[in-house]
Amino acid sequence: MQISIRRELPEDIKEIHALEAEAFGCRLQADIVDRLRDDGALWLSQVALVDDRIVGHAAYSLVEISHNSNNWHFPALGPIAVAPAYQRQGIGSALIRAGFEVVGEAGFGLLFLVGSPNYYPRFGFQPALPLGFTSDYVKPGGRHEHFMALVLDQSLIGSVRGHMRFHGAFPDP
C-alpha cells in the first residue's frame, strides 16, 4: 500500500469532516477541526492518501504556555484520525512522522498532545507534567499520562514551563 501525505486543500474540507466523524463515531472532532480552520487557528492540516483517496487526517493548532508574565506558543497535535477500514496499517504513524518534519522545520522545540499513553510514547512523547507543564486536561492529583510532550530541543526543558491552554475550539475537559 502506497501512502502519500500532503497539506489539505480547500476541496478536501468536506471529506476531512466526514473522515473525522467516521473515525471517532461522532462529529465532535470534525467540528473542532472546522472551528480551528474557521478561526484561522489550524496551524497545519495534513491528509494521508491511498489511491488518491483521503484515508487519514492530522490537525495541528498552536497552544499557549503561560508562566508568570511569560507566554510561549507551540504546536499541538490533534485531532488525528484514520478511516476505520485503514486503521492499524501505518497511516497514523506516517501522518505523525510527516508532522514532525514540518514542526521541526518551523523551528519549534516542543510538540504537545492529549492522547493515549499506550500509543504516543513510541514516537518519543512523554508525560508533560514532570517536564514542568500543566493543563486543564489534568486535574490536581489526577492521572496525567495522557497529557504529553515531544521534546525536540532539550534546551527548552527547565527554561520553558507553565500552564498550557488549547484553542477555544476544544471542549472544556
C-alpha atoms as a PDB file:
ATOM      1  CA  MET A   1       0.000   0.000   0.000  1.00  0.00           C
ATOM      2  CA  GLN A   2       1.433   3.349  -1.063  1.00  0.00           C
ATOM      3  CA  ILE A   3       0.685   6.205   1.369  1.00  0.00           C
ATOM      4  CA  SER A   4       1.255   9.828   0.424  1.00  0.00           C
ATOM      5  CA  ILE A   5       0.998  12.781   2.786  1.00  0.00           C
ATOM      6  CA  ARG A   6       0.240  16.358   1.790  1.00  0.00           C
ATOM      7  CA  ARG A   7      -1.283  19.515   3.221  1.00  0.00           C
ATOM      8  CA  GLU A   8      -5.042  19.825   2.976  1.00  0.00           C
ATOM      9  CA  LEU A   9      -6.542  21.626   0.018  1.00  0.00           C
ATOM     10  CA  PRO A  10      -9.791  23.629   0.091  1.00  0.00           C
ATOM     11  CA  GLU A  11     -11.561  20.882  -1.824  1.00  0.00           C
ATOM     12  CA  ASP A  12     -10.628  18.373   0.933  1.00  0.00           C
ATOM     13  CA  ILE A  13     -12.611  20.062   3.713  1.00  0.00           C
ATOM     14  CA  LYS A  14     -15.882  18.122   3.387  1.00  0.00           C
ATOM     15  CA  GLU A  15     -14.043  14.824   3.057  1.00  0.00           C
ATOM     16  CA  ILE A  16     -11.890  15.610   6.122  1.00  0.00           C
ATOM     17  CA  HIS A  17     -15.028  16.405   8.131  1.00  0.00           C
ATOM     18  CA  ALA A  18     -16.635  13.099   7.106  1.00  0.00           C
ATOM     19  CA  LEU A  19     -13.425  11.167   7.860  1.00  0.00           C
ATOM     20  CA  GLU A  20     -13.054  12.675  11.344  1.00  0.00           C
ATOM     21  CA  ALA A  21     -16.715  11.931  12.155  1.00  0.00           C
ATOM     22  CA  GLU A  22     -16.447   8.353  10.867  1.00  0.00           C
ATOM     23  CA  ALA A  23     -13.182   7.624  12.677  1.00  0.00           C
ATOM     24  CA  PHE A  24     -14.439   8.895  16.041  1.00  0.00           C
ATOM     25  CA  GLY A  25     -18.070   7.818  15.647  1.00  0.00           C
ATOM     26  CA  CYS A  26     -19.328  11.355  16.302  1.00  0.00           C
ATOM     27  CA  ARG A  27     -18.928  14.890  14.988  1.00  0.00           C
ATOM     28  CA  LEU A  28     -17.033  16.382  17.960  1.00  0.00           C
ATOM     29  CA  GLN A  29     -13.522  16.093  16.481  1.00  0.00           C
ATOM     30  CA  ALA A  30     -14.749  17.038  12.995  1.00  0.00           C
ATOM     31  CA  ASP A  31     -16.354  20.151  14.453  1.00  0.00           C
ATOM     32  CA  ILE A  32     -13.145  21.001  16.334  1.00  0.00           C
ATOM     33  CA  VAL A  33     -11.164  20.887  13.081  1.00  0.00           C
ATOM     34  CA  ASP A  34     -13.765  23.020  11.308  1.00  0.00           C
ATOM     35  CA  ARG A  35     -13.749  25.603  14.081  1.00  0.00           C
ATOM     36  CA  LEU A  36      -9.944  25.743  14.153  1.00  0.00           C
ATOM     37  CA  ARG A  37      -9.973  26.293  10.398  1.00  0.00           C
ATOM     38  CA  ASP A  38     -12.753  28.923  10.594  1.00  0.00           C
ATOM     39  CA  ASP A  39     -10.868  30.792  13.340  1.00  0.00           C
ATOM     40  CA  GLY A  40      -7.598  30.752  11.410  1.00  0.00           C
ATOM     41  CA  ALA A  41      -6.094  28.579  14.144  1.00  0.00           C
ATOM     42  CA  LEU A  42      -5.414  25.434  12.127  1.00  0.00           C
ATOM     43  CA  TRP A  43      -1.638  25.793  12.005  1.00  0.00           C
ATOM     44  CA  LEU A  44      -1.129  22.634   9.955  1.00  0.00           C
ATOM     45  CA  SER A  45      -3.595  20.207   8.393  1.00  0.00           C
ATOM     46  CA  GLN A  46      -2.251  17.149   6.604  1.00  0.00           C
ATOM     47  CA  VAL A  47      -4.049  14.346   4.829  1.00  0.00           C
ATOM     48  CA  ALA A  48      -2.937  10.802   4.068  1.00  0.00           C
ATOM     49  CA  LEU A  49      -3.939   9.395   0.708  1.00  0.00           C
ATOM     50  CA  VAL A  50      -4.132   5.854  -0.582  1.00  0.00           C
ATOM     51  CA  ASP A  51      -5.079   5.511  -4.241  1.00  0.00           C
ATOM     52  CA  ASP A  52      -5.887   9.253  -4.310  1.00  0.00           C
ATOM     53  CA  ARG A  53      -8.479   8.797  -1.530  1.00  0.00           C
ATOM     54  CA  ILE A  54      -8.160  10.619   1.790  1.00  0.00           C
ATOM     55  CA  VAL A  55      -7.879   7.946   4.469  1.00  0.00           C
ATOM     56  CA  GLY A  56      -6.232   9.921   7.264  1.00  0.00           C
ATOM     57  CA  HIS A  57      -6.019  13.426   8.659  1.00  0.00           C
ATOM     58  CA  ALA A  58      -3.870  15.205  11.261  1.00  0.00           C
ATOM     59  CA  ALA A  59      -4.608  18.672  12.634  1.00  0.00           C
ATOM     60  CA  TYR A  60      -2.169  20.930  14.473  1.00  0.00           C
ATOM     61  CA  SER A  61      -3.014  24.129  16.302  1.00  0.00           C
ATOM     62  CA  LEU A  62      -0.907  26.382  18.489  1.00  0.00           C
ATOM     63  CA  VAL A  63      -1.254  26.194  22.244  1.00  0.00           C
ATOM     64  CA  GLU A  64      -0.240  28.880  24.699  1.00  0.00           C
ATOM     65  CA  ILE A  65       2.090  28.149  27.593  1.00  0.00           C
ATOM     66  CA  SER A  66       1.925  30.747  30.381  1.00  0.00           C
ATOM     67  CA  HIS A  67       4.170  31.104  33.407  1.00  0.00           C
ATOM     68  CA  ASN A  68       4.236  34.310  35.429  1.00  0.00           C
ATOM     69  CA  SER A  69       4.485  37.046  32.778  1.00  0.00           C
ATOM     70  CA  ASN A  70       5.988  34.729  30.120  1.00  0.00           C
ATOM     71  CA  ASN A  71       3.972  33.334  27.208  1.00  0.00           C
ATOM     72  CA  TRP A  72       5.117  30.877  24.561  1.00  0.00           C
ATOM     73  CA  HIS A  73       3.333  29.222  21.654  1.00  0.00           C
ATOM     74  CA  PHE A  74       3.950  25.692  20.452  1.00  0.00           C
ATOM     75  CA  PRO A  75       2.026  23.321  18.198  1.00  0.00           C
ATOM     76  CA  ALA A  76      -0.254  20.597  19.484  1.00  0.00           C
ATOM     77  CA  LEU A  77      -1.263  17.525  17.521  1.00  0.00           C
ATOM     78  CA  GLY A  78      -4.925  16.644  17.426  1.00  0.00           C
ATOM     79  CA  PRO A  79      -7.298  15.550  16.399  1.00  0.00           C
ATOM     80  CA  ILE A  80      -5.742  12.854  14.255  1.00  0.00           C
ATOM     81  CA  ALA A  81      -7.965  10.321  12.511  1.00  0.00           C
ATOM     82  CA  VAL A  82      -7.694   7.349  10.180  1.00  0.00           C
ATOM     83  CA  ALA A  83     -10.656   5.812   8.354  1.00  0.00           C
ATOM     84  CA  PRO A  84     -11.691   2.631  10.217  1.00  0.00           C
ATOM     85  CA  ALA A  85     -11.018   0.387   7.199  1.00  0.00           C
ATOM     86  CA  TYR A  86      -7.411   1.677   7.089  1.00  0.00           C
ATOM     87  CA  GLN A  87      -6.521   1.631  10.778  1.00  0.00           C
ATOM     88  CA  ARG A  88      -3.553  -0.402  12.034  1.00  0.00           C
ATOM     89  CA  GLN A  89      -1.789  -0.150   8.693  1.00  0.00           C
ATOM     90  CA  GLY A  90       0.762   2.583   9.493  1.00  0.00           C
ATOM     91  CA  ILE A  91      -1.236   5.546   8.214  1.00  0.00           C
ATOM     92  CA  GLY A  92      -1.444   7.294  11.591  1.00  0.00           C
ATOM     93  CA  SER A  93       2.280   6.738  12.098  1.00  0.00           C
ATOM     94  CA  ALA A  94       3.036   8.176   8.657  1.00  0.00           C
ATOM     95  CA  LEU A  95       0.927  11.251   9.429  1.00  0.00           C
ATOM     96  CA  ILE A  96       2.646  11.772  12.775  1.00  0.00           C
ATOM     97  CA  ARG A  97       6.141  11.488  11.288  1.00  0.00           C
ATOM     98  CA  ALA A  98       5.251  13.861   8.443  1.00  0.00           C
ATOM     99  CA  GLY A  99       4.005  16.367  11.013  1.00  0.00           C
ATOM    100  CA  PHE A 100       7.266  16.078  12.958  1.00  0.00           C
ATOM    101  CA  GLU A 101       9.146  17.196   9.864  1.00  0.00           C
ATOM    102  CA  VAL A 102       7.040  20.337   9.476  1.00  0.00           C
ATOM    103  CA  VAL A 103       7.193  21.134  13.207  1.00  0.00           C
ATOM    104  CA  GLY A 104      10.974  20.773  13.187  1.00  0.00           C
ATOM    105  CA  GLU A 105      11.395  22.799  10.003  1.00  0.00           C
ATOM    106  CA  ALA A 106       9.317  25.579  11.575  1.00  0.00           C
ATOM    107  CA  GLY A 107      11.806  25.704  14.461  1.00  0.00           C
ATOM    108  CA  PHE A 108       9.530  24.542  17.262  1.00  0.00           C
ATOM    109  CA  GLY A 109      11.267  22.691  20.079  1.00  0.00           C
ATOM    110  CA  LEU A 110       8.162  21.203  21.697  1.00  0.00           C
ATOM    111  CA  LEU A 111       5.027  19.482  20.467  1.00  0.00           C
ATOM    112  CA  PHE A 112       2.073  18.709  22.736  1.00  0.00           C
ATOM    113  CA  LEU A 113      -0.940  16.423  22.654  1.00  0.00           C
ATOM    114  CA  VAL A 114      -3.593  14.812  24.803  1.00  0.00           C
ATOM    115  CA  GLY A 115      -3.823  11.172  23.802  1.00  0.00           C
ATOM    116  CA  SER A 116      -3.254   7.529  24.601  1.00  0.00           C
ATOM    117  CA  PRO A 117      -0.219   6.838  26.795  1.00  0.00           C
ATOM    118  CA  ASN A 118      -0.162   3.378  25.199  1.00  0.00           C
ATOM    119  CA  TYR A 119       0.294   4.721  21.651  1.00  0.00           C
ATOM    120  CA  TYR A 120       2.202   8.002  21.516  1.00  0.00           C
ATOM    121  CA  PRO A 121       5.357   7.153  23.544  1.00  0.00           C
ATOM    122  CA  ARG A 122       6.565   5.068  20.572  1.00  0.00           C
ATOM    123  CA  PHE A 123       7.072   8.398  18.780  1.00  0.00           C
ATOM    124  CA  GLY A 124       9.010   9.937  21.669  1.00  0.00           C
ATOM    125  CA  PHE A 125       6.122  11.604  23.520  1.00  0.00           C
ATOM    126  CA  GLN A 126       6.388  11.585  27.294  1.00  0.00           C
ATOM    127  CA  PRO A 127       4.214  12.857  30.138  1.00  0.00           C
ATOM    128  CA  ALA A 128       4.360  16.666  30.140  1.00  0.00           C
ATOM    129  CA  LEU A 129       3.668  17.185  33.843  1.00  0.00           C
ATOM    130  CA  PRO A 130       7.137  16.017  35.008  1.00  0.00           C
ATOM    131  CA  LEU A 131       8.645  18.383  32.421  1.00  0.00           C
ATOM    132  CA  GLY A 132       7.008  21.368  34.134  1.00  0.00           C
ATOM    133  CA  PHE A 133       3.770  21.708  32.163  1.00  0.00           C
ATOM    134  CA  THR A 134       0.230  21.702  33.493  1.00  0.00           C
ATOM    135  CA  SER A 135      -3.079  21.724  31.660  1.00  0.00           C
ATOM    136  CA  ASP A 136      -6.779  21.977  32.318  1.00  0.00           C
ATOM    137  CA  TYR A 137      -6.864  18.411  30.970  1.00  0.00           C
ATOM    138  CA  VAL A 138      -5.035  17.286  34.119  1.00  0.00           C
ATOM    139  CA  LYS A 139      -6.905  17.579  37.392  1.00  0.00           C
ATOM    140  CA  PRO A 140      -4.787  18.248  40.512  1.00  0.00           C
ATOM    141  CA  GLY A 141      -3.697  14.892  41.880  1.00  0.00           C
ATOM    142  CA  GLY A 142      -5.295  13.086  38.933  1.00  0.00           C
ATOM    143  CA  ARG A 143      -3.860  10.908  36.213  1.00  0.00           C
ATOM    144  CA  HIS A 144      -1.681  12.907  33.842  1.00  0.00           C
ATOM    145  CA  GLU A 145      -0.076  10.376  31.497  1.00  0.00           C
ATOM    146  CA  HIS A 146      -2.391  11.355  28.617  1.00  0.00           C
ATOM    147  CA  PHE A 147      -1.048  14.947  28.585  1.00  0.00           C
ATOM    148  CA  MET A 148       2.217  14.572  26.673  1.00  0.00           C
ATOM    149  CA  ALA A 149       5.041  16.493  25.069  1.00  0.00           C
ATOM    150  CA  LEU A 150       7.608  15.634  22.449  1.00  0.00           C
ATOM    151  CA  VAL A 151      10.877  17.400  23.206  1.00  0.00           C
ATOM    152  CA  LEU A 152      12.677  18.365  20.008  1.00  0.00           C
ATOM    153  CA  ASP A 153      15.008  20.875  21.686  1.00  0.00           C
ATOM    154  CA  GLN A 154      16.315  19.719  25.083  1.00  0.00           C
ATOM    155  CA  SER A 155      17.495  23.242  25.944  1.00  0.00           C
ATOM    156  CA  LEU A 156      13.858  24.279  26.437  1.00  0.00           C
ATOM    157  CA  ILE A 157      13.301  21.922  29.352  1.00  0.00           C
ATOM    158  CA  GLY A 158      13.516  23.956  32.518  1.00  0.00           C
ATOM    159  CA  SER A 159      13.541  27.290  30.701  1.00  0.00           C
ATOM    160  CA  VAL A 160      10.014  26.887  29.287  1.00  0.00           C
ATOM    161  CA  ARG A 161       7.338  25.671  31.673  1.00  0.00           C
ATOM    162  CA  GLY A 162       3.873  26.616  32.764  1.00  0.00           C
ATOM    163  CA  HIS A 163       0.201  26.083  32.092  1.00  0.00           C
ATOM    164  CA  MET A 164      -0.862  25.001  28.595  1.00  0.00           C
ATOM    165  CA  ARG A 165      -4.131  26.151  27.043  1.00  0.00           C
ATOM    166  CA  PHE A 166      -5.657  24.804  23.860  1.00  0.00           C
ATOM    167  CA  HIS A 167      -7.571  26.994  21.424  1.00  0.00           C
ATOM    168  CA  GLY A 168     -11.209  27.608  22.355  1.00  0.00           C
ATOM    169  CA  ALA A 169     -12.347  25.126  19.678  1.00  0.00           C
ATOM    170  CA  PHE A 170     -11.501  22.328  22.084  1.00  0.00           C
ATOM    171  CA  PRO A 171     -14.153  21.451  24.658  1.00  0.00           C
ATOM    172  CA  ASP A 172     -13.592  22.102  28.321  1.00  0.00           C
ATOM    173  CA  PRO A 173     -12.169  18.991  29.974  1.00  0.00           C
END
